[in-house]
N, C-alpha and C. Protein backbone atom coordinates (compact mmCIF):
# COMPACT_ATOMS: atom_id res chain seq x y z
N MET A 1 12.96 -13.44 -9.35
CA MET A 1 12.27 -12.02 -9.06
C MET A 1 11.40 -12.46 -7.56
N SER A 2 11.55 -11.58 -6.75
CA SER A 2 10.87 -11.52 -5.57
C SER A 2 9.24 -11.08 -5.65
N ARG A 3 8.42 -11.73 -4.95
CA ARG A 3 6.76 -11.15 -5.39
C ARG A 3 6.50 -10.78 -3.87
N ILE A 4 5.62 -9.71 -3.97
CA ILE A 4 5.15 -9.02 -2.74
C ILE A 4 3.62 -9.21 -2.97
N VAL A 5 2.71 -9.43 -1.94
CA VAL A 5 1.25 -9.24 -2.25
C VAL A 5 0.87 -7.93 -1.01
N VAL A 6 0.03 -7.12 -1.65
CA VAL A 6 -0.13 -5.92 -0.54
C VAL A 6 -1.75 -6.01 -0.56
N LEU A 7 -2.12 -6.11 0.83
CA LEU A 7 -3.47 -6.28 0.97
C LEU A 7 -4.16 -4.95 1.53
N GLY A 8 -5.24 -4.78 0.54
CA GLY A 8 -6.02 -3.75 0.65
C GLY A 8 -5.17 -2.56 -0.56
N ALA A 9 -6.23 -1.98 -1.28
CA ALA A 9 -5.78 -1.07 -2.14
C ALA A 9 -6.18 0.60 -1.73
N GLY A 10 -6.12 0.88 -0.50
CA GLY A 10 -6.25 2.03 -0.14
C GLY A 10 -5.15 3.11 -0.31
N GLU A 11 -4.96 4.16 0.37
CA GLU A 11 -3.83 5.14 -0.02
C GLU A 11 -2.23 4.37 0.21
N SER A 12 -2.60 3.98 1.54
CA SER A 12 -1.16 3.20 1.98
C SER A 12 -0.73 2.06 1.29
N GLY A 13 -2.01 1.04 0.75
CA GLY A 13 -1.49 0.06 0.04
C GLY A 13 -1.10 0.36 -1.53
N THR A 14 -1.69 1.52 -2.11
CA THR A 14 -1.26 1.63 -3.50
C THR A 14 0.19 2.38 -2.98
N GLY A 15 0.22 3.12 -2.35
CA GLY A 15 1.64 3.54 -1.99
C GLY A 15 2.78 2.52 -2.00
N ALA A 16 2.46 1.43 -1.26
CA ALA A 16 3.34 0.16 -0.83
C ALA A 16 3.51 -0.48 -2.09
N ALA A 17 2.53 -0.69 -3.11
CA ALA A 17 2.65 -1.28 -4.04
C ALA A 17 3.55 -0.60 -5.27
N VAL A 18 3.26 0.64 -5.27
CA VAL A 18 4.22 1.50 -6.29
C VAL A 18 5.68 1.55 -5.89
N LEU A 19 5.91 1.35 -4.46
CA LEU A 19 7.31 1.63 -3.97
C LEU A 19 7.83 -0.03 -4.12
N ALA A 20 7.01 -1.15 -4.19
CA ALA A 20 7.46 -2.34 -4.34
C ALA A 20 7.74 -2.54 -5.86
N LYS A 21 6.81 -1.86 -6.68
CA LYS A 21 7.33 -2.21 -8.00
C LYS A 21 8.53 -1.41 -8.58
N VAL A 22 8.67 -0.25 -7.96
CA VAL A 22 9.97 0.51 -8.34
C VAL A 22 11.14 -0.22 -7.66
N LYS A 23 11.15 -0.80 -6.55
CA LYS A 23 12.03 -1.71 -6.24
C LYS A 23 12.51 -3.20 -6.91
N GLY A 24 11.43 -3.26 -7.76
CA GLY A 24 11.63 -4.46 -8.92
C GLY A 24 10.96 -5.65 -8.26
N PHE A 25 10.00 -5.67 -7.44
CA PHE A 25 9.21 -6.84 -6.84
C PHE A 25 7.81 -6.70 -8.15
N ASP A 26 7.58 -8.41 -8.20
CA ASP A 26 6.53 -8.46 -8.95
C ASP A 26 5.35 -8.50 -7.82
N THR A 27 4.56 -7.27 -8.20
CA THR A 27 3.50 -6.79 -7.14
C THR A 27 2.07 -7.52 -7.39
N TYR A 28 1.47 -7.85 -6.39
CA TYR A 28 0.05 -8.23 -6.43
C TYR A 28 -0.60 -7.19 -5.45
N VAL A 29 -1.83 -6.55 -5.87
CA VAL A 29 -2.77 -5.88 -4.95
C VAL A 29 -4.09 -6.63 -4.88
N SER A 30 -4.58 -6.81 -3.77
CA SER A 30 -5.93 -7.44 -3.36
C SER A 30 -7.02 -6.52 -3.13
């Protein structure tokens, strides 16, 4: 499984995290 780290939990960061989760990434938001 691929991992992705999203830096920042603002509106765009949250959107990126949700998209990554939908695409099957193991997602971490700082």
